[in-house]
């Protein structure tokens, strides 16, 4: 099977995504949403010790990566706009394993 080439519109979207500076610090996400650090671990695919280090001060502080900041910003966007995303698009975006769980 041959991959489908990108058209101009898709190339533009790819460039927007690649150069997007989207990011949200863990402290801002944690202050905005009532979530546990365990849930932040799942959102960012990090260990609990890594997430704990994001909230420490001094020498034990660990800076989140650009990827971590992007994961949190994307999750923030999805939480803010979930009701505006058409169900069909949500089905493509999100795993079908969540269908049995209430939203």
Protein backbone atom coordinates (compact mmCIF):
# COMPACT_ATOMS: atom_id res chain seq x y z
CA UNK A 1 0.00 0.00 0.00
CA UNK A 2 1.37 3.41 -0.96
CA UNK A 3 1.13 6.29 1.52
CA UNK A 4 -1.13 9.14 0.47
CA UNK A 5 0.76 12.32 -0.48
CA UNK A 6 -0.05 15.51 1.41
CA UNK A 7 -1.90 18.27 -0.41
CA UNK A 8 -1.10 21.95 0.18
CA UNK A 9 -3.71 22.33 2.92
CA UNK A 10 -2.36 19.30 4.76
CA UNK A 11 1.22 20.53 4.41
CA UNK A 12 0.15 23.85 5.93
CA UNK A 13 -1.47 22.04 8.84
CA UNK A 14 1.68 19.96 9.30
CA UNK A 15 3.81 23.13 9.39
CA UNK A 16 1.46 24.75 11.90
CA UNK A 17 1.72 21.71 14.16
CA UNK A 18 5.49 21.36 13.84
CA UNK A 19 6.17 25.01 14.69
CA UNK A 20 3.38 25.43 17.22
CA UNK A 21 4.63 26.67 20.60
CA UNK A 22 1.65 25.14 22.41
CA UNK A 23 2.49 24.38 26.01
CA UNK A 24 1.06 24.57 29.51
CA UNK A 25 3.15 24.27 32.69
CA UNK A 26 2.11 21.51 35.09
CA UNK A 27 1.47 24.05 37.87
CA UNK A 28 -0.99 25.98 35.66
CA UNK A 29 -2.77 22.78 34.61
CA UNK A 30 -2.94 21.57 38.20
CA UNK A 31 -4.31 24.94 39.35
CA UNK A 32 -6.97 24.98 36.62
CA UNK A 33 -8.21 21.38 36.78
CA UNK A 34 -8.99 19.30 39.85
CA UNK A 35 -6.88 16.27 38.98
CA UNK A 36 -4.51 14.03 40.85
CA UNK A 37 -0.83 13.70 40.15
CA UNK A 38 -1.59 10.12 39.09
CA UNK A 39 -3.82 11.49 36.33
CA UNK A 40 -1.05 13.89 35.28
CA UNK A 41 1.28 10.87 35.14
CA UNK A 42 -1.17 9.22 32.71
CA UNK A 43 -1.65 12.35 30.57
CA UNK A 44 2.09 12.84 30.09
CA UNK A 45 3.16 9.17 30.16
CA UNK A 46 5.70 9.89 32.88
CA UNK A 47 6.56 8.27 36.19
CA UNK A 48 5.16 9.49 39.47
CA UNK A 49 8.64 10.52 40.61
CA UNK A 50 9.08 12.68 37.49
CA UNK A 51 5.74 14.45 38.01
CA UNK A 52 6.52 15.03 41.69
CA UNK A 53 9.82 16.66 40.70
CA UNK A 54 7.90 19.18 38.55
CA UNK A 55 6.31 20.55 41.73
CA UNK A 56 9.43 20.65 43.90
CA UNK A 57 11.67 23.60 44.61
CA UNK A 58 15.43 23.78 44.64
CA UNK A 59 17.84 21.10 43.57
CA UNK A 60 15.25 18.33 43.33
CA UNK A 61 13.14 20.35 40.84
CA UNK A 62 12.96 18.80 37.38
CA UNK A 63 11.82 20.86 34.39
CA UNK A 64 9.08 19.27 32.26
CA UNK A 65 10.00 18.64 28.63
CA UNK A 66 8.47 20.45 25.68
CA UNK A 67 6.54 17.24 25.00
CA UNK A 68 5.13 17.25 28.55
CA UNK A 69 4.02 20.87 28.17
CA UNK A 70 2.36 20.03 24.85
CA UNK A 71 0.51 17.04 26.32
CA UNK A 72 -0.87 19.23 29.10
CA UNK A 73 -1.84 22.02 26.70
CA UNK A 74 -3.62 19.58 24.38
CA UNK A 75 -5.46 18.00 27.31
CA UNK A 76 -6.42 21.48 28.54
CA UNK A 77 -7.76 22.30 25.07
CA UNK A 78 -9.75 19.04 24.93
CA UNK A 79 -11.21 19.62 28.40
CA UNK A 80 -12.18 23.20 27.53
CA UNK A 81 -13.73 22.28 24.16
CA UNK A 82 -14.94 18.70 24.63
CA UNK A 83 -18.63 19.57 24.13
CA UNK A 84 -17.83 21.43 20.91
CA UNK A 85 -16.06 18.46 19.32
CA UNK A 86 -18.51 16.45 17.18
CA UNK A 87 -19.08 12.93 18.49
CA UNK A 88 -17.84 11.37 15.25
CA UNK A 89 -14.55 13.26 15.57
CA UNK A 90 -14.23 12.27 19.25
CA UNK A 91 -14.69 8.65 18.21
CA UNK A 92 -11.78 8.97 15.79
CA UNK A 93 -9.66 10.90 18.27
CA UNK A 94 -10.26 8.87 21.40
CA UNK A 95 -9.97 5.17 22.08
CA UNK A 96 -13.14 3.09 21.82
CA UNK A 97 -12.14 1.43 25.10
CA UNK A 98 -13.66 4.44 26.85
CA UNK A 99 -17.14 3.83 25.36
CA UNK A 100 -18.31 1.85 28.37
CA UNK A 101 -17.22 4.50 30.85
CA UNK A 102 -19.56 7.42 31.58
CA UNK A 103 -18.33 10.83 30.46
